[in-house]
Amino acid sequence: SSTATLEVYLTELTASLLPCDGTVLVVARYNGMTMLYTPVTAEVHSLDKDPSIALLTVQCTGGWSFLEGAITTPGLMGTIHDTPDEKFELTGDLETVVKTLITAGQRRTGHPLVILPSSGRGPRVNITGDWETVGEYVADVLTSTGYVLTFDGWVPGDPQPFEDYTLTRPCYVVDLKPYTPRVGLVWSY
């Protein structure tokens, strides 16, 4: 999961970073990539030398946090209040199963994710469950497959990522791809 820390002076503009409820996105550009983050903690503190100047330190996390914030229900596509007693079961190619899980979570939460259609990549997998996070199921099923989930940030002004989509608001474009190292960018664990 990608993280970022911002330290800025507290102003009327930077105060908009204070809500840590998934409604604010922070954009960073690095080596031609657009990366999005959402604030998860925000603390206001002052400088030792001048207590009248307030600083804001914001800890942010990337797209994976949206998977950790979405709970699966026994009926998977139902609401939390409208669930059957039995567990859900998904069987199929890795890409379709993963994207079905993410779509179910995104429908319930409204997180800014655009999930690309499945093209049937990956080995055949089976998931049975209920009441866990989408992130837990996706992490488990991706282990040792040679595939990774990508969260490519997009903001207005960026080229449209695919001709079949017309994006208008900042979002993550989510896809499943075979693992390949990204030159110039190393994420820590």
N, C-alpha and C. Protein backbone atom coordinates (compact mmCIF):
# COMPACT_ATOMS: atom_id res chain seq x y z
N SER A 1 0.84 -1.17 0.00
CA SER A 1 0.00 0.00 0.00
C SER A 1 0.89 1.23 0.00
N SER A 2 0.64 2.20 -0.84
CA SER A 2 1.46 3.40 -0.93
C SER A 2 1.01 4.41 0.12
N THR A 3 1.98 5.16 0.63
CA THR A 3 1.68 6.18 1.62
C THR A 3 2.40 7.46 1.27
N ALA A 4 1.93 8.56 1.85
CA ALA A 4 2.57 9.85 1.67
C ALA A 4 2.34 10.67 2.93
N THR A 5 3.27 11.54 3.25
CA THR A 5 3.12 12.46 4.37
C THR A 5 3.27 13.87 3.84
N LEU A 6 2.33 14.71 4.18
CA LEU A 6 2.37 16.12 3.80
C LEU A 6 2.53 16.95 5.05
N GLU A 7 3.41 17.94 5.01
CA GLU A 7 3.49 18.90 6.11
C GLU A 7 3.40 20.27 5.47
N VAL A 8 2.34 20.99 5.80
CA VAL A 8 2.06 22.29 5.20
C VAL A 8 1.60 23.26 6.28
N TYR A 9 1.67 24.55 5.97
CA TYR A 9 1.11 25.54 6.88
C TYR A 9 -0.40 25.41 6.87
N LEU A 10 -1.02 25.59 8.01
CA LEU A 10 -2.48 25.52 8.10
C LEU A 10 -3.05 26.84 7.59
N THR A 11 -3.79 26.74 6.49
CA THR A 11 -4.46 27.89 5.90
C THR A 11 -5.90 27.48 5.60
N GLU A 12 -6.66 28.40 5.09
CA GLU A 12 -8.04 28.07 4.71
C GLU A 12 -8.05 26.97 3.65
N LEU A 13 -7.11 27.03 2.71
CA LEU A 13 -7.03 26.02 1.65
C LEU A 13 -6.58 24.66 2.21
N THR A 14 -5.49 24.64 2.99
CA THR A 14 -4.99 23.36 3.48
C THR A 14 -5.90 22.74 4.53
N ALA A 15 -6.76 23.52 5.16
CA ALA A 15 -7.72 22.97 6.13
C ALA A 15 -8.67 21.98 5.47
N SER A 16 -8.80 22.07 4.14
CA SER A 16 -9.67 21.11 3.44
C SER A 16 -9.10 19.69 3.48
N LEU A 17 -7.85 19.54 3.93
CA LEU A 17 -7.24 18.21 4.09
C LEU A 17 -7.63 17.55 5.41
N LEU A 18 -8.27 18.28 6.30
CA LEU A 18 -8.59 17.75 7.63
C LEU A 18 -9.58 16.58 7.64
N PRO A 19 -10.63 16.57 6.80
CA PRO A 19 -11.53 15.40 6.86
C PRO A 19 -10.79 14.13 6.42
N CYS A 20 -10.82 13.13 7.26
CA CYS A 20 -10.15 11.86 6.95
C CYS A 20 -11.21 10.80 6.72
N ASP A 21 -12.16 11.12 5.86
CA ASP A 21 -13.31 10.24 5.63
C ASP A 21 -13.40 9.72 4.20
N GLY A 22 -12.32 9.85 3.43
CA GLY A 22 -12.33 9.36 2.06
C GLY A 22 -12.92 10.31 1.05
N THR A 23 -13.31 11.52 1.47
CA THR A 23 -13.91 12.47 0.54
C THR A 23 -12.89 13.40 -0.11
N VAL A 24 -11.66 13.40 0.41
CA VAL A 24 -10.61 14.27 -0.10
C VAL A 24 -9.53 13.43 -0.78
N LEU A 25 -9.10 13.84 -1.96
CA LEU A 25 -8.00 13.17 -2.64
C LEU A 25 -6.85 14.16 -2.83
N VAL A 26 -5.63 13.69 -2.61
CA VAL A 26 -4.42 14.47 -2.81
C VAL A 26 -3.72 13.92 -4.03
N VAL A 27 -3.32 14.81 -4.94
CA VAL A 27 -2.67 14.40 -6.19
C VAL A 27 -1.18 14.67 -6.11
N ALA A 28 -0.37 13.69 -6.52
CA ALA A 28 1.07 13.85 -6.62
C ALA A 28 1.49 13.33 -7.99
N ARG A 29 2.41 14.01 -8.63
CA ARG A 29 2.93 13.54 -9.91
C ARG A 29 4.41 13.21 -9.74
N TYR A 30 4.79 12.05 -10.29
CA TYR A 30 6.17 11.59 -10.18
C TYR A 30 6.51 10.82 -11.44
N ASN A 31 7.59 11.21 -12.13
CA ASN A 31 8.04 10.53 -13.35
C ASN A 31 6.90 10.30 -14.35
N GLY A 32 6.04 11.28 -14.51
CA GLY A 32 4.95 11.17 -15.48
C GLY A 32 3.75 10.38 -14.99
N MET A 33 3.79 9.88 -13.75
CA MET A 33 2.66 9.13 -13.20
C MET A 33 1.83 10.06 -12.31
N THR A 34 0.53 9.86 -12.33
CA THR A 34 -0.36 10.57 -11.42
C THR A 34 -0.70 9.62 -10.29
N MET A 35 -0.37 10.03 -9.07
CA MET A 35 -0.68 9.19 -7.91
C MET A 35 -1.67 9.94 -7.04
N LEU A 36 -2.66 9.21 -6.55
CA LEU A 36 -3.67 9.79 -5.69
C LEU A 36 -3.55 9.20 -4.30
N TYR A 37 -3.85 10.01 -3.32
CA TYR A 37 -3.83 9.59 -1.93
C TYR A 37 -5.06 10.15 -1.24
N THR A 38 -5.45 9.52 -0.16
CA THR A 38 -6.53 10.05 0.67
C THR A 38 -6.01 10.21 2.09
N PRO A 39 -6.29 11.35 2.73
CA PRO A 39 -5.83 11.55 4.11
C PRO A 39 -6.46 10.55 5.07
N VAL A 40 -5.63 9.99 5.96
CA VAL A 40 -6.14 9.07 6.98
C VAL A 40 -5.93 9.62 8.39
N THR A 41 -4.95 10.48 8.58
CA THR A 41 -4.80 11.20 9.85
C THR A 41 -4.34 12.62 9.54
N ALA A 42 -4.79 13.56 10.36
CA ALA A 42 -4.37 14.96 10.21
C ALA A 42 -4.18 15.55 11.59
N GLU A 43 -3.01 16.15 11.81
CA GLU A 43 -2.70 16.75 13.11
C GLU A 43 -2.22 18.17 12.91
N VAL A 44 -2.73 19.06 13.75
CA VAL A 44 -2.31 20.46 13.72
C VAL A 44 -1.37 20.67 14.90
N HIS A 45 -0.23 21.33 14.65
CA HIS A 45 0.72 21.64 15.71
C HIS A 45 1.41 22.94 15.37
N SER A 46 2.10 23.52 16.34
CA SER A 46 2.76 24.80 16.10
C SER A 46 4.27 24.62 16.10
N LEU A 47 4.95 25.63 15.57
CA LEU A 47 6.41 25.63 15.58
C LEU A 47 6.90 26.02 16.96
N ASP A 48 8.01 25.43 17.37
CA ASP A 48 8.57 25.79 18.69
C ASP A 48 8.98 27.26 18.73
N LYS A 49 9.54 27.77 17.64
CA LYS A 49 10.05 29.14 17.62
C LYS A 49 8.94 30.17 17.51
N ASP A 50 7.82 29.81 16.89
CA ASP A 50 6.71 30.76 16.73
C ASP A 50 5.39 30.02 16.86
N PRO A 51 4.84 29.96 18.09
CA PRO A 51 3.62 29.20 18.31
C PRO A 51 2.39 29.76 17.58
N SER A 52 2.51 30.95 17.00
CA SER A 52 1.36 31.51 16.27
C SER A 52 1.23 30.92 14.86
N ILE A 53 2.26 30.22 14.40
CA ILE A 53 2.22 29.60 13.07
C ILE A 53 1.83 28.13 13.24
N ALA A 54 0.72 27.77 12.65
CA ALA A 54 0.23 26.40 12.76
C ALA A 54 0.66 25.58 11.55
N LEU A 55 1.12 24.37 11.82
CA LEU A 55 1.48 23.42 10.77
C LEU A 55 0.47 22.28 10.78
N LEU A 56 0.22 21.75 9.61
CA LEU A 56 -0.68 20.62 9.45
C LEU A 56 0.13 19.45 8.91
N THR A 57 0.12 18.32 9.62
CA THR A 57 0.78 17.11 9.14
C THR A 57 -0.31 16.11 8.79
N VAL A 58 -0.30 15.68 7.54
CA VAL A 58 -1.34 14.79 7.04
C VAL A 58 -0.68 13.49 6.57
N GLN A 59 -1.11 12.37 7.13
CA GLN A 59 -0.68 11.05 6.66
C GLN A 59 -1.72 10.57 5.65
N CYS A 60 -1.25 10.14 4.48
CA CYS A 60 -2.15 9.72 3.40
C CYS A 60 -1.82 8.30 2.97
N THR A 61 -2.80 7.65 2.41
CA THR A 61 -2.59 6.31 1.88
C THR A 61 -3.19 6.23 0.48
N GLY A 62 -2.73 5.23 -0.28
CA GLY A 62 -3.14 5.10 -1.67
C GLY A 62 -4.40 4.26 -1.85
N GLY A 63 -4.61 3.80 -3.07
CA GLY A 63 -5.84 3.12 -3.46
C GLY A 63 -6.20 1.88 -2.69
N TRP A 64 -5.19 1.15 -2.20
CA TRP A 64 -5.48 -0.09 -1.49
C TRP A 64 -6.36 0.17 -0.27
N SER A 65 -6.25 1.36 0.33
CA SER A 65 -7.05 1.66 1.53
C SER A 65 -8.54 1.60 1.22
N PHE A 66 -8.92 1.88 -0.02
CA PHE A 66 -10.34 1.80 -0.37
C PHE A 66 -10.82 0.36 -0.35
N LEU A 67 -9.93 -0.59 -0.62
CA LEU A 67 -10.32 -2.00 -0.53
C LEU A 67 -10.44 -2.42 0.93
N GLU A 68 -9.58 -1.86 1.78
CA GLU A 68 -9.64 -2.18 3.20
C GLU A 68 -10.86 -1.54 3.86
N GLY A 69 -11.42 -0.51 3.24
CA GLY A 69 -12.59 0.17 3.79
C GLY A 69 -13.91 -0.36 3.29
N ALA A 70 -13.89 -1.43 2.51
CA ALA A 70 -15.12 -1.99 1.95
C ALA A 70 -15.31 -3.40 2.50
N ILE A 71 -16.43 -3.64 3.15
CA ILE A 71 -16.74 -4.94 3.75
C ILE A 71 -17.60 -5.76 2.79
N THR A 72 -17.27 -7.03 2.65
CA THR A 72 -18.11 -7.92 1.83
C THR A 72 -19.24 -8.47 2.70
N THR A 73 -20.38 -8.67 2.10
CA THR A 73 -21.53 -9.22 2.81
C THR A 73 -21.79 -10.64 2.29
N PRO A 74 -22.56 -11.44 3.02
CA PRO A 74 -22.84 -12.80 2.54
C PRO A 74 -23.45 -12.81 1.14
N GLY A 75 -24.31 -11.87 0.82
CA GLY A 75 -24.91 -11.82 -0.51
C GLY A 75 -24.04 -11.11 -1.53
N LEU A 76 -22.90 -10.59 -1.14
CA LEU A 76 -21.90 -9.88 -1.93
C LEU A 76 -22.43 -8.62 -2.59
N MET A 77 -23.47 -8.70 -3.41
CA MET A 77 -23.96 -7.50 -4.10
C MET A 77 -25.12 -6.83 -3.37
N GLY A 78 -25.59 -7.44 -2.28
CA GLY A 78 -26.70 -6.85 -1.54
C GLY A 78 -26.22 -5.76 -0.60
N THR A 79 -27.17 -5.15 0.13
CA THR A 79 -26.80 -4.16 1.13
C THR A 79 -26.47 -4.87 2.44
N ILE A 80 -25.92 -4.15 3.37
CA ILE A 80 -25.57 -4.74 4.65
C ILE A 80 -26.82 -5.21 5.39
N HIS A 81 -27.95 -4.52 5.18
CA HIS A 81 -29.19 -4.87 5.87
C HIS A 81 -29.97 -5.96 5.15
N ASP A 82 -29.58 -6.29 3.93
CA ASP A 82 -30.35 -7.20 3.08
C ASP A 82 -29.47 -8.37 2.67
N THR A 83 -29.04 -9.17 3.65
CA THR A 83 -28.10 -10.24 3.35
C THR A 83 -28.67 -11.60 3.70
N PRO A 84 -28.41 -12.59 2.86
CA PRO A 84 -28.82 -13.96 3.19
C PRO A 84 -27.90 -14.54 4.27
N ASP A 85 -28.27 -15.69 4.80
CA ASP A 85 -27.48 -16.32 5.85
C ASP A 85 -26.24 -17.02 5.31
N GLU A 86 -26.29 -17.47 4.06
CA GLU A 86 -25.17 -18.25 3.53
C GLU A 86 -24.03 -17.33 3.05
N LYS A 87 -22.85 -17.90 2.93
CA LYS A 87 -21.68 -17.17 2.44
C LYS A 87 -21.77 -17.01 0.93
N PHE A 88 -21.05 -16.00 0.41
CA PHE A 88 -20.97 -15.87 -1.04
C PHE A 88 -19.89 -16.81 -1.55
N GLU A 89 -19.98 -17.17 -2.83
CA GLU A 89 -18.94 -17.97 -3.46
C GLU A 89 -18.70 -17.43 -4.85
N LEU A 90 -17.43 -17.22 -5.17
CA LEU A 90 -17.02 -16.77 -6.50
C LEU A 90 -16.01 -17.77 -7.05
N THR A 91 -16.24 -18.22 -8.28
CA THR A 91 -15.31 -19.11 -8.95
C THR A 91 -15.13 -18.60 -10.37
N GLY A 92 -13.89 -18.57 -10.83
CA GLY A 92 -13.61 -18.14 -12.19
C GLY A 92 -12.16 -17.74 -12.33
N ASP A 93 -11.86 -17.06 -13.43
CA ASP A 93 -10.49 -16.60 -13.63
C ASP A 93 -10.18 -15.52 -12.60
N LEU A 94 -8.93 -15.40 -12.23
CA LEU A 94 -8.46 -14.49 -11.19
C LEU A 94 -8.96 -13.06 -11.42
N GLU A 95 -8.82 -12.55 -12.64
CA GLU A 95 -9.19 -11.17 -12.92
C GLU A 95 -10.67 -10.92 -12.68
N THR A 96 -11.53 -11.81 -13.15
CA THR A 96 -12.97 -11.62 -13.00
C THR A 96 -13.37 -11.69 -11.53
N VAL A 97 -12.82 -12.64 -10.78
CA VAL A 97 -13.14 -12.78 -9.37
C VAL A 97 -12.71 -11.53 -8.59
N VAL A 98 -11.48 -11.07 -8.81
CA VAL A 98 -10.96 -9.89 -8.11
C VAL A 98 -11.81 -8.66 -8.45
N LYS A 99 -12.11 -8.46 -9.72
CA LYS A 99 -12.87 -7.27 -10.11
C LYS A 99 -14.33 -7.34 -9.64
N THR A 100 -14.87 -8.53 -9.52
CA THR A 100 -16.23 -8.68 -8.97
C THR A 100 -16.23 -8.26 -7.50
N LEU A 101 -15.23 -8.68 -6.74
CA LEU A 101 -15.12 -8.28 -5.33
C LEU A 101 -14.99 -6.77 -5.19
N ILE A 102 -14.10 -6.18 -6.00
CA ILE A 102 -13.87 -4.73 -5.91
C ILE A 102 -15.12 -3.96 -6.31
N THR A 103 -15.81 -4.42 -7.34
CA THR A 103 -17.05 -3.77 -7.78
C THR A 103 -18.10 -3.80 -6.68
N ALA A 104 -18.23 -4.94 -6.00
CA ALA A 104 -19.20 -5.05 -4.91
C ALA A 104 -18.89 -4.04 -3.81
N GLY A 105 -17.62 -3.91 -3.44
CA GLY A 105 -17.24 -2.95 -2.41
C GLY A 105 -17.44 -1.52 -2.86
N GLN A 106 -17.09 -1.23 -4.12
CA GLN A 106 -17.22 0.13 -4.64
C GLN A 106 -18.68 0.55 -4.74
N ARG A 107 -19.56 -0.35 -5.11
CA ARG A 107 -21.00 -0.02 -5.20
C ARG A 107 -21.52 0.42 -3.83
N ARG A 108 -21.06 -0.23 -2.80
CA ARG A 108 -21.54 0.06 -1.46
C ARG A 108 -20.94 1.34 -0.89
N THR A 109 -19.67 1.62 -1.19
CA THR A 109 -18.98 2.76 -0.57
C THR A 109 -18.97 4.01 -1.43
N GLY A 110 -19.02 3.85 -2.75
CA GLY A 110 -18.91 5.01 -3.64
C GLY A 110 -17.50 5.54 -3.78
N HIS A 111 -16.50 4.76 -3.38
CA HIS A 111 -15.12 5.22 -3.50
C HIS A 111 -14.78 5.52 -4.96
N PRO A 112 -13.85 6.45 -5.20
CA PRO A 112 -13.52 6.89 -6.56
C PRO A 112 -12.66 5.87 -7.32
N LEU A 113 -13.25 4.72 -7.62
CA LEU A 113 -12.56 3.67 -8.36
C LEU A 113 -13.29 3.41 -9.67
N VAL A 114 -12.54 3.31 -10.75
CA VAL A 114 -13.08 2.87 -12.04
C VAL A 114 -12.44 1.53 -12.32
N ILE A 115 -13.25 0.48 -12.31
CA ILE A 115 -12.73 -0.88 -12.48
C ILE A 115 -12.86 -1.26 -13.95
N LEU A 116 -11.74 -1.53 -14.59
CA LEU A 116 -11.77 -1.87 -16.01
C LEU A 116 -12.41 -3.25 -16.21
N PRO A 117 -13.07 -3.46 -17.35
CA PRO A 117 -13.69 -4.77 -17.61
C PRO A 117 -12.65 -5.89 -17.61
N SER A 118 -13.09 -7.06 -17.22
CA SER A 118 -12.21 -8.21 -17.16
C SER A 118 -11.95 -8.77 -18.55
N SER A 119 -10.71 -9.21 -18.76
CA SER A 119 -10.39 -9.89 -20.01
C SER A 119 -10.02 -11.35 -19.74
N GLY A 120 -10.35 -11.84 -18.55
CA GLY A 120 -10.19 -13.27 -18.25
C GLY A 120 -8.79 -13.71 -17.92
N ARG A 121 -7.94 -12.83 -17.40
CA ARG A 121 -6.55 -13.18 -17.10
C ARG A 121 -6.42 -13.95 -15.79
N GLY A 122 -5.41 -14.76 -15.72
CA GLY A 122 -5.04 -15.42 -14.49
C GLY A 122 -5.61 -16.81 -14.33
N PRO A 123 -5.12 -17.51 -13.32
CA PRO A 123 -5.56 -18.88 -13.07
C PRO A 123 -6.99 -18.92 -12.53
N ARG A 124 -7.57 -20.09 -12.54
CA ARG A 124 -8.91 -20.29 -11.99
C ARG A 124 -8.81 -20.28 -10.46
N VAL A 125 -9.68 -19.51 -9.81
CA VAL A 125 -9.66 -19.40 -8.35
C VAL A 125 -11.08 -19.54 -7.80
N ASN A 126 -11.15 -19.80 -6.49
CA ASN A 126 -12.43 -19.92 -5.81
C ASN A 126 -12.32 -19.18 -4.48
N ILE A 127 -13.32 -18.35 -4.19
CA ILE A 127 -13.37 -17.63 -2.92
C ILE A 127 -14.75 -17.85 -2.31
N THR A 128 -14.78 -18.18 -1.04
CA THR A 128 -16.01 -18.30 -0.28
C THR A 128 -15.86 -17.42 0.95
N GLY A 129 -16.87 -16.64 1.27
CA GLY A 129 -16.72 -15.82 2.46
C GLY A 129 -17.88 -14.92 2.77
N ASP A 130 -17.67 -14.12 3.80
CA ASP A 130 -18.62 -13.09 4.22
C ASP A 130 -17.95 -12.21 5.27
N TRP A 131 -18.39 -10.99 5.40
CA TRP A 131 -18.02 -10.05 6.45
C TRP A 131 -16.52 -9.83 6.63
N GLU A 132 -15.76 -9.89 5.57
CA GLU A 132 -14.35 -9.50 5.61
C GLU A 132 -14.18 -8.31 4.67
N THR A 133 -13.00 -7.69 4.70
CA THR A 133 -12.79 -6.57 3.77
C THR A 133 -12.44 -7.11 2.39
N VAL A 134 -12.77 -6.32 1.40
CA VAL A 134 -12.41 -6.66 0.03
C VAL A 134 -10.89 -6.82 -0.06
N GLY A 135 -10.15 -5.96 0.62
CA GLY A 135 -8.69 -6.02 0.60
C GLY A 135 -8.14 -7.34 1.10
N GLU A 136 -8.75 -7.90 2.15
CA GLU A 136 -8.28 -9.19 2.67
C GLU A 136 -8.46 -10.29 1.64
N TYR A 137 -9.63 -10.35 1.01
CA TYR A 137 -9.88 -11.40 0.01
C TYR A 137 -8.97 -11.23 -1.20
N VAL A 138 -8.82 -9.98 -1.67
CA VAL A 138 -7.99 -9.74 -2.86
C VAL A 138 -6.53 -10.09 -2.56
N ALA A 139 -6.02 -9.69 -1.42
CA ALA A 139 -4.64 -10.01 -1.06
C ALA A 139 -4.43 -11.52 -1.00
N ASP A 140 -5.37 -12.23 -0.39
CA ASP A 140 -5.25 -13.68 -0.29
C ASP A 140 -5.23 -14.35 -1.65
N VAL A 141 -6.13 -13.94 -2.52
CA VAL A 141 -6.26 -14.62 -3.81
C VAL A 141 -5.12 -14.25 -4.78
N LEU A 142 -4.51 -13.08 -4.60
CA LEU A 142 -3.40 -12.67 -5.48
C LEU A 142 -2.07 -13.34 -5.11
N THR A 143 -1.95 -13.81 -3.90
CA THR A 143 -0.69 -14.38 -3.42
C THR A 143 -0.18 -15.48 -4.36
N SER A 144 1.06 -15.33 -4.79
CA SER A 144 1.78 -16.31 -5.63
C SER A 144 1.15 -16.55 -7.00
N THR A 145 0.38 -15.60 -7.52
CA THR A 145 -0.21 -15.77 -8.86
C THR A 145 0.63 -15.14 -9.96
N GLY A 146 1.52 -14.20 -9.60
CA GLY A 146 2.28 -13.48 -10.62
C GLY A 146 1.50 -12.30 -11.19
N TYR A 147 0.36 -11.97 -10.57
CA TYR A 147 -0.46 -10.84 -11.01
C TYR A 147 -0.53 -9.81 -9.89
N VAL A 148 -0.67 -8.55 -10.27
CA VAL A 148 -0.80 -7.47 -9.30
C VAL A 148 -2.00 -6.61 -9.66
N LEU A 149 -2.53 -5.97 -8.65
CA LEU A 149 -3.62 -5.02 -8.85
C LEU A 149 -2.99 -3.66 -9.00
N THR A 150 -3.36 -2.92 -10.04
CA THR A 150 -2.80 -1.60 -10.25
C THR A 150 -3.86 -0.54 -9.95
N PHE A 151 -3.43 0.55 -9.35
CA PHE A 151 -4.27 1.71 -9.07
C PHE A 151 -3.60 2.89 -9.76
N ASP A 152 -3.99 3.18 -10.99
CA ASP A 152 -3.41 4.31 -11.72
C ASP A 152 -4.27 5.53 -11.49
N GLY A 153 -3.65 6.57 -10.93
CA GLY A 153 -4.39 7.80 -10.66
C GLY A 153 -4.73 8.53 -11.93
N TRP A 154 -5.91 9.16 -11.95
CA TRP A 154 -6.32 9.99 -13.08
C TRP A 154 -6.99 11.24 -12.53
N VAL A 155 -6.62 12.39 -13.10
CA VAL A 155 -7.26 13.66 -12.75
C VAL A 155 -7.57 14.42 -14.04
N PRO A 156 -8.58 15.31 -14.00
CA PRO A 156 -8.88 16.10 -15.21
C PRO A 156 -7.62 16.81 -15.70
N GLY A 157 -7.43 16.77 -17.00
CA GLY A 157 -6.22 17.31 -17.62
C GLY A 157 -5.29 16.20 -18.09
N ASP A 158 -5.37 15.02 -17.44
CA ASP A 158 -4.62 13.86 -17.90
C ASP A 158 -5.31 13.32 -19.15
N PRO A 159 -4.57 12.65 -20.03
CA PRO A 159 -5.23 12.01 -21.17
C PRO A 159 -6.19 10.92 -20.68
N GLN A 160 -7.27 10.74 -21.42
CA GLN A 160 -8.20 9.66 -21.07
C GLN A 160 -7.45 8.34 -21.19
N PRO A 161 -7.55 7.46 -20.20
CA PRO A 161 -6.74 6.25 -20.21
C PRO A 161 -7.17 5.22 -21.26
N PHE A 162 -8.44 5.21 -21.62
CA PHE A 162 -8.95 4.24 -22.58
C PHE A 162 -10.05 4.89 -23.39
N GLU A 163 -10.15 4.50 -24.64
CA GLU A 163 -11.12 5.16 -25.52
C GLU A 163 -12.57 4.88 -25.15
N ASP A 164 -12.85 3.79 -24.46
CA ASP A 164 -14.22 3.48 -24.09
C ASP A 164 -14.68 4.21 -22.84
N TYR A 165 -13.80 4.97 -22.19
CA TYR A 165 -14.14 5.67 -20.96
C TYR A 165 -13.99 7.17 -21.14
N THR A 166 -14.89 7.92 -20.55
CA THR A 166 -14.74 9.36 -20.47
C THR A 166 -14.79 9.71 -19.00
N LEU A 167 -13.62 9.88 -18.41
CA LEU A 167 -13.54 10.20 -17.00
C LEU A 167 -13.65 11.70 -16.81
N THR A 168 -14.29 12.12 -15.74
CA THR A 168 -14.48 13.54 -15.49
C THR A 168 -14.04 13.98 -14.10
N ARG A 169 -13.89 13.02 -13.16
CA ARG A 169 -13.51 13.35 -11.80
C ARG A 169 -12.28 12.56 -11.39
N PRO A 170 -11.48 13.09 -10.48
CA PRO A 170 -10.30 12.33 -10.03
C PRO A 170 -10.69 10.94 -9.55
N CYS A 171 -9.91 9.95 -9.96
CA CYS A 171 -10.23 8.57 -9.59
C CYS A 171 -9.00 7.69 -9.77
N TYR A 172 -9.13 6.48 -9.27
CA TYR A 172 -8.15 5.44 -9.54
C TYR A 172 -8.72 4.56 -10.64
N VAL A 173 -7.92 4.24 -11.64
CA VAL A 173 -8.29 3.28 -12.66
C VAL A 173 -7.68 1.95 -12.22
N VAL A 174 -8.54 0.98 -11.90
CA VAL A 174 -8.10 -0.27 -11.29
C VAL A 174 -8.06 -1.38 -12.34
N ASP A 175 -6.95 -2.09 -12.38
CA ASP A 175 -6.81 -3.19 -13.33
C ASP A 175 -5.94 -4.27 -12.70
N LEU A 176 -6.01 -5.46 -13.25
CA LEU A 176 -5.18 -6.58 -12.83
C LEU A 176 -4.24 -6.90 -13.98
N LYS A 177 -2.93 -6.95 -13.68
CA LYS A 177 -1.93 -7.16 -14.72
C LYS A 177 -0.87 -8.13 -14.25
N PRO A 178 -0.19 -8.78 -15.20
CA PRO A 178 0.97 -9.58 -14.80
C PRO A 178 2.01 -8.66 -14.17
N TYR A 179 2.70 -9.14 -13.16
CA TYR A 179 3.69 -8.33 -12.47
C TYR A 179 4.85 -7.99 -13.40
N THR A 180 5.20 -6.72 -13.44
CA THR A 180 6.43 -6.25 -14.10
C THR A 180 7.00 -5.14 -13.22
N PRO A 181 8.31 -5.13 -13.01
CA PRO A 181 8.90 -4.07 -12.17
C PRO A 181 8.72 -2.71 -12.84
N ARG A 182 8.45 -1.67 -12.04
CA ARG A 182 8.37 -0.30 -12.55
C ARG A 182 9.72 0.37 -12.32
N VAL A 183 10.37 0.77 -13.39
CA VAL A 183 11.67 1.40 -13.31
C VAL A 183 11.52 2.78 -12.67
N GLY A 184 12.37 3.08 -11.71
CA GLY A 184 12.37 4.41 -11.10
C GLY A 184 11.40 4.58 -9.97
N LEU A 185 10.64 3.56 -9.61
CA LEU A 185 9.70 3.69 -8.51
C LEU A 185 9.75 2.41 -7.69
N VAL A 186 10.10 2.55 -6.42
CA VAL A 186 10.18 1.38 -5.55
C VAL A 186 9.27 1.63 -4.36
N TRP A 187 8.30 0.76 -4.15
CA TRP A 187 7.40 0.87 -3.00
C TRP A 187 7.95 0.00 -1.89
N SER A 188 7.94 0.53 -0.68
CA SER A 188 8.36 -0.28 0.46
C SER A 188 7.19 -1.11 0.95
N TYR A 189 7.48 -2.15 1.71
CA TYR A 189 6.44 -2.93 2.34
C TYR A 189 6.02 -2.28 3.64
